[in-house]
Amino acid sequence: MNVLYVSDSDTVSGAEIVMLQYLQHFRPPEHHPHVFFRERNARLRAALTELGVPFTTTTNYSERIIETTASPAALAAYARAFWRVRRELADTIRAREIDLVHSISYPAALYAALASRATGVRQIWHEHNIKRLHAVNTRLYRFTAATAARVIGPSDAVSHNLRRAGIADATAITVYNGIDLSRFRIDDAKATAVRQELGLRPGQPAVGLFGQMLPHKGHATLVQAAPALRARFPDLRCFFVGALENPPYQHALTDAMGRAGVGDLFTFTGWRRDVPDVVRAMDVIVVATTTQEPAALALMETMAMGRPIVATRTGGTPELVLDGVTGRIFPPGDAAALADGLGQLLADPAMRDALGRAGRQRMEAHFSLERHLQQMAAEYHAAAPRPAGPSPADRPR
């Protein structure tokens, strides 16, 4: 099967991380992947080059965020972008003899829908976000879904939102993400080395927030909670782990830390290739997203590494984190509630250990990568059954 993966992201975020898992496992001779993505996404280019996966890049994606507008200039720019990308995608589909398109989020799926209509090749639309619905985007969602064999959400919260847009129940389904537990192996020697690198003394409390440097990830909530936490834990350290790709936001956070008098508590680590060991090096992980969180990989990675979570009650988070069993849940943006939840866990090592063990067991029982890949492979073959003639691997290329 020849599969074309389509991304319109500027960077490698959760959807691209999930896609990279497919590219590591859906390989020749059974699968022949190809990736179509934005030219300036240097991190994705590097990852694909390392994996040896062929790709096509484009400079024609819209530079404007796809949003509802009556601006003639914006609508004209959108039209040019969609027309040009449609043509490039259709050319790639024909040249690579693609059997199935896998678009890894919206609006990539909308671009792919136009090429799908031009070539007759169906897509799997994998939606990794929960977007606010209104009269315009519900119509666009239905238009896009008409070209999809499946519309997949990584949580029931995502799938329910898609159905609210008018996508049929049989089309919009939930396939939970999976974690490669062989990659997330608990190694406390490595975690200790990370703690030493980060300047942490034995027993010094450490809290981590992992993810893109974007306001909706809730870094500010942890900054606001820090004064109350410092009063209880004077030697606390907090770490923001993720690529430093948004300098204005980073500067705004630094200013807020200074005003609150907690700048010395925080460290921006930048992008790390050893995320599992950094997770394990923390005592508690915070997922403070203020918008509807579809199904954060950070939640699953934290539980895989046996660490407790304090997370906001948004979107699909309660489907993954069981309050009082694998972590604690608090209202989005509520710094006092975050400080209270963190304070309880930081003060009680036995509770932290119990929640962490329960989280690892939950990942092993329900969210393994093997289970996820089996479900996705079944969806691929249902969407693009093989012809009776030569297999894709046997076709001239």
Protein backbone atom coordinates (compact mmCIF):
# COMPACT_ATOMS: atom_id res chain seq x y z
CA MET A 1 0.00 0.00 0.00
CA ASN A 2 1.32 3.43 -0.97
CA VAL A 3 0.30 5.98 1.67
CA LEU A 4 0.70 9.74 1.36
CA TYR A 5 0.87 11.57 4.70
CA VAL A 6 -0.11 15.25 4.58
CA SER A 7 0.90 17.86 7.17
CA ASP A 8 0.59 21.64 7.01
CA SER A 9 2.35 22.37 10.30
CA ASP A 10 5.33 24.69 10.74
CA THR A 11 6.92 22.39 13.31
CA VAL A 12 6.78 18.93 14.89
CA SER A 13 3.89 18.86 17.34
CA GLY A 14 1.72 16.02 18.66
CA ALA A 15 0.17 15.13 15.30
CA GLU A 16 3.58 14.90 13.64
CA ILE A 17 4.95 12.79 16.50
CA VAL A 18 2.10 10.31 15.98
CA MET A 19 2.77 10.34 12.23
CA LEU A 20 6.46 9.61 12.81
CA GLN A 21 5.42 6.50 14.74
CA TYR A 22 3.58 5.28 11.65
CA LEU A 23 6.59 5.99 9.46
CA GLN A 24 8.80 3.93 11.77
CA HIS A 25 6.48 0.91 11.63
CA PHE A 26 4.54 1.04 8.33
CA ARG A 27 7.54 0.28 6.12
CA PRO A 28 8.36 -1.57 2.90
CA PRO A 29 7.57 -4.09 1.60
CA GLU A 30 4.07 -3.90 3.11
CA HIS A 31 3.78 -0.10 3.07
CA HIS A 32 5.46 2.59 0.99
CA PRO A 33 5.06 5.94 2.79
CA HIS A 34 5.58 9.39 1.31
CA VAL A 35 5.13 12.69 3.17
CA PHE A 36 3.89 16.03 1.83
CA PHE A 37 4.61 18.97 4.12
CA ARG A 38 5.50 22.63 4.44
CA GLU A 39 8.95 23.54 3.13
CA ARG A 40 10.00 25.50 6.22
CA ASN A 41 9.30 22.68 8.68
CA ALA A 42 12.98 21.96 9.22
CA ARG A 43 12.44 19.66 12.20
CA LEU A 44 10.14 17.39 10.22
CA ARG A 45 12.55 17.37 7.27
CA ALA A 46 15.37 16.28 9.59
CA ALA A 47 13.25 13.52 11.14
CA LEU A 48 12.19 12.15 7.74
CA THR A 49 15.76 12.25 6.45
CA GLU A 50 16.92 10.30 9.49
CA LEU A 51 14.19 7.71 8.89
CA GLY A 52 14.92 7.51 5.16
CA VAL A 53 11.30 8.33 4.27
CA PRO A 54 10.81 10.11 0.90
CA PHE A 55 8.97 13.41 0.92
CA THR A 56 7.71 16.34 -1.12
CA THR A 57 7.71 19.88 0.25
CA THR A 58 5.66 22.91 -0.73
CA THR A 59 5.82 26.66 -0.28
CA ASN A 60 2.20 27.06 -1.35
CA TYR A 61 0.34 26.47 1.89
CA SER A 62 -1.48 29.60 3.03
CA GLU A 63 0.65 31.98 5.06
CA ARG A 64 -2.55 33.23 6.68
CA ILE A 65 -4.14 31.13 9.40
CA ILE A 66 -7.19 29.41 7.93
CA GLU A 67 -10.10 31.15 9.62
CA THR A 68 -13.56 32.48 8.89
CA THR A 69 -13.34 35.93 7.33
CA ALA A 70 -15.11 38.22 4.89
CA SER A 71 -11.88 39.93 3.83
CA PRO A 72 -11.55 39.79 0.02
CA ALA A 73 -7.76 39.82 0.29
CA ALA A 74 -7.74 36.90 2.72
CA LEU A 75 -10.25 34.89 0.68
CA ALA A 76 -8.21 35.46 -2.47
CA ALA A 77 -5.04 34.32 -0.69
CA TYR A 78 -6.82 31.20 0.56
CA ALA A 79 -8.10 30.42 -2.94
CA ARG A 80 -4.60 30.67 -4.43
CA ALA A 81 -3.12 28.47 -1.73
CA PHE A 82 -5.79 25.78 -2.02
CA TRP A 83 -5.62 25.72 -5.82
CA ARG A 84 -1.83 25.42 -5.89
CA VAL A 85 -1.59 22.81 -3.15
CA ARG A 86 -4.44 20.82 -4.72
CA ARG A 87 -2.46 20.63 -7.94
CA GLU A 88 0.77 19.63 -6.16
CA LEU A 89 -0.98 16.99 -4.09
CA ALA A 90 -2.78 15.56 -7.10
CA ASP A 91 0.49 15.39 -9.03
CA THR A 92 2.15 13.60 -6.10
CA ILE A 93 -0.74 11.14 -5.78
CA ARG A 94 -0.53 10.23 -9.45
CA ALA A 95 3.27 10.12 -9.65
CA ARG A 96 3.61 7.96 -6.53
CA GLU A 97 0.58 5.79 -7.37
CA ILE A 98 -0.89 6.55 -3.96
CA ASP A 99 -3.56 4.19 -2.63
CA LEU A 100 -4.56 6.23 0.43
CA VAL A 101 -4.00 9.72 1.78
CA HIS A 102 -3.58 10.14 5.54
CA SER A 103 -4.01 13.80 6.50
CA ILE A 104 -2.91 14.30 10.05
CA SER A 105 -5.11 17.24 11.04
CA TYR A 106 -7.31 20.04 9.80
CA PRO A 107 -6.76 22.09 7.59
CA ALA A 108 -4.36 19.57 5.99
CA ALA A 109 -7.44 17.39 5.48
CA LEU A 110 -9.21 20.21 3.64
CA TYR A 111 -6.28 20.61 1.23
CA ALA A 112 -6.25 16.82 0.79
CA ALA A 113 -10.02 16.76 0.15
CA LEU A 114 -9.57 18.87 -2.97
CA ALA A 115 -6.85 16.56 -4.30
CA SER A 116 -8.94 13.53 -3.36
CA ARG A 117 -11.81 14.81 -5.48
CA ALA A 118 -9.42 15.40 -8.38
CA THR A 119 -7.85 11.92 -8.23
CA GLY A 120 -10.50 9.66 -6.73
CA VAL A 121 -8.11 8.53 -3.98
CA ARG A 122 -9.77 8.56 -0.56
CA GLN A 123 -8.25 9.85 2.62
CA ILE A 124 -8.18 9.09 6.31
CA TRP A 125 -8.62 12.37 8.14
CA HIS A 126 -6.91 12.13 11.52
CA GLU A 127 -8.08 15.10 13.59
CA HIS A 128 -5.88 15.97 16.55
CA ASN A 129 -7.70 19.12 17.69
CA ILE A 130 -11.05 20.20 19.13
CA LYS A 131 -12.13 23.28 17.25
CA ARG A 132 -15.02 25.62 17.99
CA LEU A 133 -17.84 24.86 15.58
CA HIS A 134 -19.82 27.46 13.67
CA ALA A 135 -21.88 27.71 10.49
CA VAL A 136 -18.90 27.97 8.13
CA ASN A 137 -16.51 25.35 9.43
CA THR A 138 -19.24 22.75 9.96
CA ARG A 139 -19.91 22.95 6.20
CA LEU A 140 -16.19 22.67 5.47
CA TYR A 141 -15.91 19.71 7.84
CA ARG A 142 -18.72 17.90 6.05
CA PHE A 143 -17.17 18.72 2.66
CA THR A 144 -13.85 17.30 3.86
CA ALA A 145 -15.40 14.22 5.48
CA ALA A 146 -17.16 13.35 2.21
CA THR A 147 -13.74 12.36 0.82
CA ALA A 148 -12.77 10.37 3.91
CA ALA A 149 -13.17 6.67 4.52
CA ARG A 150 -12.71 7.45 8.20
CA VAL A 151 -12.39 10.55 10.36
CA ILE A 152 -10.38 9.54 13.41
CA GLY A 153 -10.10 11.31 16.74
CA PRO A 154 -7.63 10.33 19.50
CA SER A 155 -10.33 10.67 22.18
CA ASP A 156 -14.09 10.55 22.46
CA ALA A 157 -14.01 14.30 23.09
CA VAL A 158 -12.57 14.84 19.59
CA SER A 159 -14.86 12.32 17.90
CA HIS A 160 -17.95 13.78 19.58
CA ASN A 161 -17.02 17.25 18.34
CA LEU A 162 -16.68 15.90 14.80
CA ARG A 163 -20.12 14.29 15.01
CA ARG A 164 -21.55 17.58 16.25
CA ALA A 165 -20.34 19.05 12.96
CA GLY A 166 -22.60 16.61 11.13
CA ILE A 167 -20.10 13.85 10.33
CA ALA A 168 -21.78 10.45 10.50
CA ASP A 169 -21.28 8.33 13.60
CA ALA A 170 -19.99 5.46 11.46
CA THR A 171 -17.35 7.71 9.90
CA ALA A 172 -16.11 9.63 12.95
CA ILE A 173 -14.51 7.11 15.32
CA THR A 174 -12.09 7.12 18.24
CA VAL A 175 -8.69 5.45 18.04
CA TYR A 176 -6.66 6.30 21.13
CA ASN A 177 -3.00 7.08 20.58
CA GLY A 178 -0.46 4.51 21.68
CA ILE A 179 2.81 4.71 23.55
CA ASP A 180 5.93 2.79 22.57
CA LEU A 181 6.62 1.27 25.97
CA SER A 182 9.99 -0.03 24.75
CA ARG A 183 11.04 3.62 24.39
CA PHE A 184 9.51 4.63 27.71
CA ARG A 185 11.49 2.30 29.91
CA ILE A 186 12.02 3.46 33.46
CA ASP A 187 15.75 3.90 34.09
CA ASP A 188 16.34 5.73 37.35
CA ALA A 189 20.10 5.89 36.73
CA LYS A 190 19.46 7.99 33.62
CA ALA A 191 16.89 10.08 35.46
CA THR A 192 19.43 10.75 38.20
CA ALA A 193 21.95 11.87 35.58
CA VAL A 194 19.36 14.27 34.14
CA ARG A 195 18.67 15.69 37.59
CA GLN A 196 22.38 16.29 38.10
CA GLU A 197 22.60 17.98 34.69
CA LEU A 198 19.68 20.24 35.64
CA GLY A 199 21.38 21.18 38.91
CA LEU A 200 18.94 19.36 41.17
CA ARG A 201 20.11 18.07 44.53
CA PRO A 202 18.93 14.66 45.82
CA GLY A 203 15.41 15.09 47.17
CA GLN A 204 14.96 18.60 45.77
CA PRO A 205 11.38 18.91 44.44
CA ALA A 206 11.04 19.35 40.67
CA VAL A 207 7.99 20.02 38.51
CA GLY A 208 7.94 19.80 34.72
CA LEU A 209 5.63 21.18 32.03
CA PHE A 210 6.31 19.71 28.58
CA GLY A 211 5.13 20.97 25.20
CA GLN A 212 5.17 23.75 22.64
CA MET A 213 5.75 27.30 23.80
CA LEU A 214 2.21 28.46 23.14
CA PRO A 215 -0.11 30.41 25.48
CA HIS A 216 -2.84 27.78 25.50
CA LYS A 217 -0.42 25.25 26.99
CA GLY A 218 -0.90 27.04 30.31
CA HIS A 219 2.66 27.91 31.29
CA ALA A 220 1.31 31.12 32.82
CA THR A 221 -0.91 29.15 35.22
CA LEU A 222 2.15 27.44 36.69
CA VAL A 223 3.93 30.80 36.97
CA GLN A 224 0.92 32.18 38.85
CA ALA A 225 0.90 29.14 41.16
CA ALA A 226 4.62 29.42 41.92
CA PRO A 227 4.53 31.98 44.80
CA ALA A 228 2.18 29.79 46.85
CA LEU A 229 4.28 26.72 46.08
CA ARG A 230 7.51 28.48 47.02
CA ALA A 231 6.03 29.34 50.43
CA ARG A 232 5.63 25.61 51.12
CA PHE A 233 8.65 24.30 49.19
CA PRO A 234 11.41 26.94 49.25
CA ASP A 235 13.83 24.89 47.14
CA LEU A 236 11.29 24.00 44.41
CA ARG A 237 12.45 24.07 40.78
CA CYS A 238 10.14 24.20 37.75
CA PHE A 239 11.11 23.31 34.18
CA PHE A 240 9.49 24.28 30.88
CA VAL A 241 10.57 21.57 28.42
CA GLY A 242 10.06 22.18 24.71
CA ALA A 243 11.54 23.87 21.66
CA LEU A 244 12.06 27.61 22.12
CA GLU A 245 10.29 28.57 18.91
CA ASN A 246 8.18 31.45 20.25
CA PRO A 247 10.51 34.15 21.66
CA PRO A 248 7.79 36.78 22.31
CA TYR A 249 5.83 34.31 24.46
CA GLN A 250 8.97 33.18 26.26
CA HIS A 251 9.84 36.81 27.02
CA ALA A 252 6.30 37.46 28.29
CA LEU A 253 6.59 34.49 30.65
CA THR A 254 9.99 35.68 31.86
CA ASP A 255 8.52 39.11 32.59
CA ALA A 256 5.64 37.51 34.51
CA MET A 257 8.09 35.46 36.56
CA GLY A 258 10.02 38.59 37.41
CA ARG A 259 6.91 40.46 38.53
CA ALA A 260 5.92 37.50 40.73
CA GLY A 261 9.42 37.21 42.16
CA VAL A 262 9.83 33.58 41.06
CA GLY A 263 12.21 33.89 38.12
CA ASP A 264 14.88 31.83 39.90
CA LEU A 265 12.48 28.88 40.21
CA PHE A 266 12.09 28.38 36.45
CA THR A 267 14.30 26.99 33.69
CA PHE A 268 13.58 26.80 29.96
CA THR A 269 15.35 23.64 28.85
CA GLY A 270 14.67 23.91 25.11
CA TRP A 271 14.09 20.88 22.90
CA ARG A 272 15.25 17.57 24.42
CA ARG A 273 15.79 14.25 22.68
CA ASP A 274 15.71 12.40 26.03
CA VAL A 275 12.15 13.35 27.01
CA PRO A 276 11.36 10.05 28.80
CA ASP A 277 14.32 10.44 31.14
CA VAL A 278 13.53 14.12 31.74
CA VAL A 279 9.95 13.13 32.65
CA ARG A 280 11.26 10.54 35.08
CA ALA A 281 13.63 13.12 36.58
CA MET A 282 10.64 15.24 37.67
CA ASP A 283 8.56 14.55 40.77
CA VAL A 284 5.29 15.73 39.20
CA ILE A 285 4.29 16.67 35.65
CA VAL A 286 1.85 19.50 34.94
CA VAL A 287 -0.41 19.60 31.85
CA ALA A 288 -2.08 22.98 32.24
CA THR A 289 -3.76 23.43 28.86
CA THR A 290 -6.40 26.15 28.94
CA THR A 291 -8.18 25.16 25.70
CA GLN A 292 -9.87 21.86 24.89
CA GLU A 293 -7.04 19.31 25.04
CA PRO A 294 -7.74 16.51 22.54
CA ALA A 295 -5.51 13.78 24.03
CA ALA A 296 -2.12 15.15 25.01
CA LEU A 297 0.79 12.82 24.35
CA ALA A 298 2.45 14.37 27.41
CA LEU A 299 -0.22 12.72 29.57
CA MET A 300 0.50 9.27 28.16
CA GLU A 301 4.27 9.71 28.21
CA THR A 302 4.15 10.79 31.84
CA MET A 303 2.11 7.79 32.90
CA ALA A 304 4.39 5.48 30.88
CA MET A 305 7.32 6.80 32.93
CA GLY A 306 5.53 6.21 36.22
CA ARG A 307 5.11 9.83 37.22
CA PRO A 308 1.94 11.46 38.62
CA ILE A 309 0.14 14.21 36.71
CA VAL A 310 -1.71 17.36 37.66
CA ALA A 311 -3.79 18.24 34.59
CA THR A 312 -6.66 20.47 33.57
CA ARG A 313 -10.14 19.06 33.09
CA THR A 314 -10.37 19.78 29.38
CA GLY A 315 -11.37 17.76 26.32
CA GLY A 316 -10.09 14.19 26.38
CA THR A 317 -7.85 14.55 29.44
CA PRO A 318 -10.28 12.85 31.87
CA GLU A 319 -10.43 9.90 29.46
CA LEU A 320 -6.70 9.36 30.02
CA VAL A 321 -5.98 10.65 33.52
CA LEU A 322 -8.12 9.10 36.24
CA ASP A 323 -8.54 11.67 39.01
CA GLY A 324 -7.15 10.31 42.27
CA VAL A 325 -5.87 7.15 40.56
CA THR A 326 -3.16 8.25 38.11
CA GLY A 327 -3.13 11.98 38.85
CA ARG A 328 -5.11 15.01 39.88
CA ILE A 329 -7.50 17.12 37.76
CA PHE A 330 -8.07 20.87 38.19
CA PRO A 331 -10.05 23.60 36.38
CA PRO A 332 -8.22 25.32 33.49
CA GLY A 333 -6.48 28.54 34.45
CA ASP A 334 -7.07 28.04 38.20
CA ALA A 335 -3.64 28.74 39.68
CA ALA A 336 -4.83 28.22 43.27
CA ALA A 337 -6.20 24.76 42.44
CA LEU A 338 -2.97 23.89 40.61
CA ALA A 339 -0.90 24.99 43.63
CA ASP A 340 -3.12 22.90 45.90
CA GLY A 341 -2.86 19.77 43.74
CA LEU A 342 0.88 20.09 43.31
CA GLY A 343 1.34 20.84 46.98
CA GLN A 344 -0.45 17.68 48.04
CA LEU A 345 1.69 15.52 45.78
CA LEU A 346 5.00 17.22 46.52
CA ALA A 347 4.34 16.73 50.25
CA ASP A 348 3.46 13.03 49.93
CA PRO A 349 6.08 10.79 48.23
CA ALA A 350 4.00 7.67 48.88
CA MET A 351 1.03 9.14 47.02
CA ARG A 352 3.27 10.17 44.14
CA ASP A 353 4.64 6.65 43.84
CA ALA A 354 1.18 5.06 43.98
CA LEU A 355 -0.24 7.34 41.29
CA GLY A 356 2.84 6.84 39.13
CA ARG A 357 2.64 3.04 39.32
CA ALA A 358 -1.06 3.13 38.49
CA GLY A 359 -0.34 5.30 35.47
CA ARG A 360 2.26 2.90 34.10
CA GLN A 361 -0.11 -0.04 34.59
CA ARG A 362 -2.86 1.88 32.76
CA MET A 363 -0.59 2.49 29.77
CA GLU A 364 0.47 -1.16 29.64
CA ALA A 365 -3.12 -2.39 29.84
CA HIS A 366 -4.88 -0.01 27.46
CA PHE A 367 -2.60 2.29 25.45
CA SER A 368 0.27 0.32 23.95
CA LEU A 369 1.63 1.35 20.55
CA GLU A 370 1.12 -2.19 19.26
CA ARG A 371 -2.62 -2.00 19.87
CA HIS A 372 -2.80 1.42 18.22
CA LEU A 373 -0.88 0.29 15.13
CA GLN A 374 -3.10 -2.77 14.71
CA GLN A 375 -6.19 -0.56 14.76
CA MET A 376 -4.71 1.88 12.26
CA ALA A 377 -3.53 -0.88 9.91
CA ALA A 378 -7.05 -2.28 9.91
CA GLU A 379 -8.43 1.16 9.02
CA TYR A 380 -5.89 1.52 6.20
CA HIS A 381 -6.88 -1.76 4.60
CA ALA A 382 -10.58 -1.11 5.04
CA ALA A 383 -10.17 2.30 3.39
CA ALA A 384 -7.98 1.12 0.50
CA PRO A 385 -8.38 -2.63 -0.03
CA ARG A 386 -5.72 -4.12 -2.25
CA PRO A 387 -6.59 -4.77 -5.88
CA ALA A 388 -6.68 -8.29 -7.24
CA GLY A 389 -3.65 -7.59 -9.45
CA PRO A 390 -0.05 -6.89 -8.44
CA SER A 391 0.55 -5.45 -4.99
CA PRO A 392 1.76 -1.86 -4.67
CA ALA A 393 5.25 -3.18 -3.89
CA ASP A 394 5.31 -4.92 -7.28
CA ARG A 395 4.21 -1.96 -9.36
CA PRO A 396 6.73 -0.08 -11.49
CA ARG A 397 7.99 2.94 -9.52
